């Protein structure tokens, strides 16, 4: 697997609890004893510049919010970097 085959929807996102983040890249990490390759979202918080990572599946998944199932991170206005 290479990062070239993964979607690269870079830009500005809003977390479902608030806060804005910039998706910087989708990287790859080996995980588990089998050496499974897992795509990870690499993103930066607007408020303080902290760099975060989480599995890409989690970044793009839907979660239980106050108004039902919502995207964990949704594209935000000004989403182009």
C-alpha atoms as a PDB file:
ATOM      1  CA  UNK A   1       0.000   0.000   0.000  1.00  0.00           C
ATOM      2  CA  UNK A   2       1.207   3.497  -0.720  1.00  0.00           C
ATOM      3  CA  UNK A   3      -0.153   6.881   0.310  1.00  0.00           C
ATOM      4  CA  UNK A   4      -0.545   7.719  -3.393  1.00  0.00           C
ATOM      5  CA  UNK A   5      -3.681   5.554  -3.628  1.00  0.00           C
ATOM      6  CA  UNK A   6      -5.407   7.142  -0.635  1.00  0.00           C
ATOM      7  CA  UNK A   7      -7.760  10.110  -0.791  1.00  0.00           C
ATOM      8  CA  UNK A   8      -5.965  13.340   0.054  1.00  0.00           C
ATOM      9  CA  UNK A   9      -8.789  15.731   1.075  1.00  0.00           C
ATOM     10  CA  UNK A  10      -6.495  18.345   2.586  1.00  0.00           C
ATOM     11  CA  UNK A  11      -8.021  21.476   4.011  1.00  0.00           C
ATOM     12  CA  UNK A  12      -9.835  22.985   6.963  1.00  0.00           C
ATOM     13  CA  UNK A  13     -12.173  20.841   9.082  1.00  0.00           C
ATOM     14  CA  UNK A  14     -14.406  21.505  12.087  1.00  0.00           C
ATOM     15  CA  UNK A  15     -14.488  18.909  14.878  1.00  0.00           C
ATOM     16  CA  UNK A  16     -18.014  17.945  15.914  1.00  0.00           C
ATOM     17  CA  UNK A  17     -17.377  19.340  19.440  1.00  0.00           C
ATOM     18  CA  UNK A  18     -15.996  22.608  18.027  1.00  0.00           C
ATOM     19  CA  UNK A  19     -12.524  23.710  17.108  1.00  0.00           C
ATOM     20  CA  UNK A  20     -10.950  23.927  13.686  1.00  0.00           C
ATOM     21  CA  UNK A  21      -8.145  21.816  12.290  1.00  0.00           C
ATOM     22  CA  UNK A  22      -6.146  21.653   9.066  1.00  0.00           C
ATOM     23  CA  UNK A  23      -5.723  18.196   7.576  1.00  0.00           C
ATOM     24  CA  UNK A  24      -2.090  18.222   6.467  1.00  0.00           C
ATOM     25  CA  UNK A  25      -1.581  14.721   5.071  1.00  0.00           C
ATOM     26  CA  UNK A  26      -2.617  11.088   5.110  1.00  0.00           C
ATOM     27  CA  UNK A  27       0.387   9.050   6.221  1.00  0.00           C
ATOM     28  CA  UNK A  28       0.983   5.332   6.682  1.00  0.00           C
ATOM     29  CA  UNK A  29       1.976   3.525   9.865  1.00  0.00           C
ATOM     30  CA  UNK A  30       2.620  -0.147  10.521  1.00  0.00           C
ATOM     31  CA  UNK A  31       0.468  -1.521  13.295  1.00  0.00           C
ATOM     32  CA  UNK A  32       0.154  -4.748  15.227  1.00  0.00           C
ATOM     33  CA  UNK A  33       2.214  -7.910  15.204  1.00  0.00           C
ATOM     34  CA  UNK A  34       1.316  -8.628  11.583  1.00  0.00           C
ATOM     35  CA  UNK A  35       2.829  -5.347  10.386  1.00  0.00           C
ATOM     36  CA  UNK A  36      -0.529  -4.190   9.026  1.00  0.00           C
ATOM     37  CA  UNK A  37      -0.274  -0.840   7.244  1.00  0.00           C
ATOM     38  CA  UNK A  38      -2.823   1.679   8.545  1.00  0.00           C
ATOM     39  CA  UNK A  39      -3.532   5.111   7.008  1.00  0.00           C
ATOM     40  CA  UNK A  40      -3.341   7.934   9.557  1.00  0.00           C
ATOM     41  CA  UNK A  41      -4.669  11.487   9.326  1.00  0.00           C
ATOM     42  CA  UNK A  42      -2.078  14.101  10.289  1.00  0.00           C
ATOM     43  CA  UNK A  43      -3.703  17.378  11.284  1.00  0.00           C
ATOM     44  CA  UNK A  44      -2.946  20.668  13.061  1.00  0.00           C
ATOM     45  CA  UNK A  45      -5.111  22.549  15.567  1.00  0.00           C
ATOM     46  CA  UNK A  46      -5.780  26.174  14.586  1.00  0.00           C
ATOM     47  CA  UNK A  47      -5.941  27.368  18.176  1.00  0.00           C
ATOM     48  CA  UNK A  48      -2.398  26.410  19.231  1.00  0.00           C
ATOM     49  CA  UNK A  49      -0.703  24.670  16.287  1.00  0.00           C
ATOM     50  CA  UNK A  50      -0.544  21.260  17.979  1.00  0.00           C
ATOM     51  CA  UNK A  51       0.007  18.434  15.479  1.00  0.00           C
ATOM     52  CA  UNK A  52      -2.278  15.421  15.981  1.00  0.00           C
ATOM     53  CA  UNK A  53      -2.625  11.995  14.382  1.00  0.00           C
ATOM     54  CA  UNK A  54      -5.412   9.461  14.386  1.00  0.00           C
ATOM     55  CA  UNK A  55      -6.360   6.561  12.128  1.00  0.00           C
ATOM     56  CA  UNK A  56      -7.899   7.990   8.956  1.00  0.00           C
ATOM     57  CA  UNK A  57     -10.996   5.805   9.451  1.00  0.00           C
ATOM     58  CA  UNK A  58     -11.610   7.568  12.776  1.00  0.00           C
ATOM     59  CA  UNK A  59     -10.968  11.019  11.315  1.00  0.00           C
ATOM     60  CA  UNK A  60     -13.634  10.493   8.641  1.00  0.00           C
ATOM     61  CA  UNK A  61     -16.120   8.405  10.677  1.00  0.00           C
ATOM     62  CA  UNK A  62     -19.514   9.488  11.965  1.00  0.00           C
ATOM     63  CA  UNK A  63     -20.025   9.766  15.734  1.00  0.00           C
ATOM     64  CA  UNK A  64     -23.016  10.125  18.036  1.00  0.00           C
ATOM     65  CA  UNK A  65     -23.517  13.869  18.464  1.00  0.00           C
ATOM     66  CA  UNK A  66     -26.328  15.813  20.107  1.00  0.00           C
ATOM     67  CA  UNK A  67     -28.265  15.807  16.815  1.00  0.00           C
ATOM     68  CA  UNK A  68     -27.708  12.136  15.922  1.00  0.00           C
ATOM     69  CA  UNK A  69     -24.851  10.766  13.823  1.00  0.00           C
ATOM     70  CA  UNK A  70     -22.523  13.514  12.607  1.00  0.00           C
ATOM     71  CA  UNK A  71     -19.070  13.507  10.979  1.00  0.00           C
ATOM     72  CA  UNK A  72     -16.261  13.592  13.565  1.00  0.00           C
ATOM     73  CA  UNK A  73     -14.559  16.161  11.303  1.00  0.00           C
ATOM     74  CA  UNK A  74     -16.558  18.002   8.627  1.00  0.00           C
ATOM     75  CA  UNK A  75     -15.150  20.267   5.917  1.00  0.00           C
ATOM     76  CA  UNK A  76     -15.313  23.870   7.128  1.00  0.00           C
ATOM     77  CA  UNK A  77     -15.623  27.175   5.275  1.00  0.00           C
ATOM     78  CA  UNK A  78     -12.249  28.241   3.971  1.00  0.00           C
ATOM     79  CA  UNK A  79     -11.316  24.560   3.592  1.00  0.00           C
ATOM     80  CA  UNK A  80      -8.555  25.206   1.088  1.00  0.00           C
ATOM     81  CA  UNK A  81      -5.102  25.567   2.636  1.00  0.00           C
END
